[in-house]
Amino acid sequence: MSEKIVTISADDSLSTVEDIMVLGGVRHMPVVRAGQLVGVVSQRDLLRASLSNLTHYGVDQRRAFLQAVEIRRVMSEPPITISPEACVGEAAQEMAERKIGCLPVMQDDELVGMLTETDLLQYYARGPS
C-alpha cells in the first residue's frame, strides 16, 4: 500500500491528471472534492475518454480535448474502498470481482493509502511471511 498519496480535484482537467500520472509513474489517482474522496481516475479512464472521442484526430486535438474535459466526467464513482484492517486476500478478491486496479484505503473517512494491483503482486511474489 502506498501511503504517499497525491490526490486531484474533480474539477481539474484530464490533461492535468495525465501529466501527473506520466511524471509520477502512477496509473490511478484518488479524486477529491472539498477534501472528501469522491472517485478514482485511472489511465484506462483517460484512454477510454480519448478513444471514444478522438479516434480520427492528432496529438494536438487530443491534448485540447483533454484540457477541456473535467475529471469528474470520466472518473469511477462512487469509489470502492477498503479499511486498513482488511486482509490482502479480501482486497485481491474485491479487485478481481469488480475488475478494478486499485482500492483507496480509508480510515475514519480519511484517505490513508492506495492499494494497487502491483502491491498485491509484490505481496504474493514474496510469499507468506
Protein backbone atom coordinates (compact mmCIF):
# COMPACT_ATOMS: atom_id res chain seq x y z
CA MET A 1 0.00 0.00 0.00
CA SER A 2 1.27 3.41 -0.89
CA GLU A 3 0.89 5.96 1.87
CA LYS A 4 2.31 8.83 -0.19
CA ILE A 5 -0.90 9.83 -1.88
CA VAL A 6 -1.30 12.54 -4.46
CA THR A 7 -4.93 13.50 -4.97
CA ILE A 8 -6.52 15.51 -7.71
CA SER A 9 -9.62 17.68 -7.76
CA ALA A 10 -12.73 16.50 -9.59
CA ASP A 11 -12.72 19.89 -11.34
CA ASP A 12 -9.19 19.53 -12.76
CA SER A 13 -8.77 18.63 -16.42
CA LEU A 14 -7.89 15.27 -17.87
CA SER A 15 -4.68 16.78 -19.24
CA THR A 16 -3.61 17.67 -15.68
CA VAL A 17 -4.17 14.14 -14.39
CA GLU A 18 -2.44 12.67 -17.44
CA ASP A 19 0.63 14.85 -16.81
CA ILE A 20 0.75 13.85 -13.14
CA MET A 21 0.37 10.16 -13.99
CA VAL A 22 3.14 10.28 -16.58
CA LEU A 23 5.54 12.26 -14.38
CA GLY A 24 4.75 10.26 -11.25
CA GLY A 25 4.61 6.86 -12.90
CA VAL A 26 1.17 6.09 -11.47
CA ARG A 27 -1.89 4.56 -13.11
CA HIS A 28 -4.58 5.54 -10.61
CA MET A 29 -5.35 8.70 -8.68
CA PRO A 30 -7.89 9.41 -5.98
CA VAL A 31 -10.25 12.26 -6.86
CA VAL A 32 -11.39 14.65 -4.15
CA ARG A 33 -13.93 17.42 -3.76
CA ALA A 34 -13.81 19.65 -0.67
CA GLY A 35 -11.28 17.28 0.87
CA GLN A 36 -13.54 14.22 0.53
CA LEU A 37 -12.82 11.22 -1.69
CA VAL A 38 -15.41 11.16 -4.48
CA GLY A 39 -13.87 8.84 -7.07
CA VAL A 40 -10.83 7.33 -8.71
CA VAL A 41 -9.45 8.14 -12.15
CA SER A 42 -7.21 5.70 -14.00
CA GLN A 43 -5.15 5.59 -17.15
CA ARG A 44 -7.88 3.33 -18.50
CA ASP A 45 -10.43 6.11 -17.91
CA LEU A 46 -8.21 8.54 -19.85
CA LEU A 47 -7.77 6.09 -22.69
CA ARG A 48 -11.49 5.34 -22.85
CA ALA A 49 -12.34 9.07 -22.97
CA SER A 50 -9.74 9.71 -25.66
CA LEU A 51 -10.67 6.76 -27.85
CA SER A 52 -14.38 7.39 -27.70
CA ASN A 53 -13.97 11.00 -28.81
CA LEU A 54 -10.75 11.29 -30.76
CA THR A 55 -10.17 8.26 -32.93
CA HIS A 56 -9.58 10.38 -36.04
CA TYR A 57 -7.65 13.30 -34.55
CA GLY A 58 -3.99 14.06 -33.99
CA VAL A 59 -1.93 14.77 -30.88
CA ASP A 60 -2.82 18.47 -30.71
CA GLN A 61 -6.55 17.82 -30.94
CA ARG A 62 -6.28 15.08 -28.31
CA ARG A 63 -4.45 17.43 -25.95
CA ALA A 64 -7.04 20.17 -26.47
CA PHE A 65 -9.81 17.68 -25.71
CA LEU A 66 -8.09 16.51 -22.51
CA GLN A 67 -7.67 20.13 -21.38
CA ALA A 68 -11.37 20.82 -21.89
CA VAL A 69 -12.77 17.79 -20.05
CA GLU A 70 -13.03 17.72 -16.26
CA ILE A 71 -12.03 14.60 -14.37
CA ARG A 72 -15.46 14.22 -12.79
CA ARG A 73 -16.88 13.39 -16.22
CA VAL A 74 -14.81 10.21 -16.58
CA MET A 75 -13.81 9.11 -13.06
CA SER A 76 -15.16 5.96 -11.45
CA GLU A 77 -17.63 6.83 -8.74
CA PRO A 78 -18.52 6.17 -6.03
CA PRO A 79 -15.08 4.90 -5.04
CA ILE A 80 -14.82 1.31 -3.85
CA THR A 81 -12.69 1.41 -0.71
CA ILE A 82 -11.25 -0.85 1.97
CA SER A 83 -10.13 -0.32 5.54
CA PRO A 84 -6.53 -0.70 6.75
CA GLU A 85 -7.66 -3.78 8.70
CA ALA A 86 -8.78 -5.65 5.56
CA CYS A 87 -6.75 -8.75 4.74
CA VAL A 88 -4.82 -8.99 1.49
CA GLY A 89 -6.97 -11.83 0.17
CA GLU A 90 -10.12 -9.81 0.73
CA ALA A 91 -8.64 -6.86 -1.17
CA ALA A 92 -7.48 -9.09 -4.03
CA GLN A 93 -10.91 -10.70 -4.31
CA GLU A 94 -12.65 -7.30 -4.32
CA MET A 95 -10.35 -6.00 -7.07
CA ALA A 96 -10.76 -9.14 -9.18
CA GLU A 97 -14.55 -9.29 -8.84
CA ARG A 98 -15.02 -5.63 -9.68
CA LYS A 99 -12.25 -5.58 -12.32
CA ILE A 100 -10.52 -2.58 -10.77
CA GLY A 101 -6.82 -1.84 -10.44
CA CYS A 102 -6.74 -0.13 -7.06
CA LEU A 103 -8.54 0.35 -3.79
CA PRO A 104 -8.35 3.55 -1.79
CA VAL A 105 -7.72 2.73 1.87
CA MET A 106 -9.99 4.71 4.19
CA GLN A 107 -9.86 5.10 7.95
CA ASP A 108 -12.45 7.25 9.72
CA ASP A 109 -13.46 8.96 6.44
CA GLU A 110 -9.82 9.84 5.73
CA LEU A 111 -7.81 8.56 2.77
CA VAL A 112 -4.74 6.89 4.28
CA GLY A 113 -3.39 4.89 1.33
CA MET A 114 -3.86 3.30 -2.07
CA LEU A 115 -3.60 -0.44 -2.63
CA THR A 116 -2.80 -1.34 -6.25
CA GLU A 117 -2.50 -4.48 -8.36
CA THR A 118 1.26 -4.02 -8.21
CA ASP A 119 1.14 -4.03 -4.40
CA LEU A 120 -0.75 -7.33 -4.46
CA LEU A 121 1.63 -8.90 -6.99
CA GLN A 122 4.63 -7.89 -4.89
CA TYR A 123 2.98 -9.29 -1.75
CA TYR A 124 2.22 -12.65 -3.36
CA ALA A 125 5.62 -12.83 -5.10
CA ARG A 126 7.37 -12.52 -1.72
CA GLY A 127 5.28 -15.36 -0.32
CA PRO A 128 3.80 -15.65 3.17
CA SER A 129 5.99 -14.24 5.91
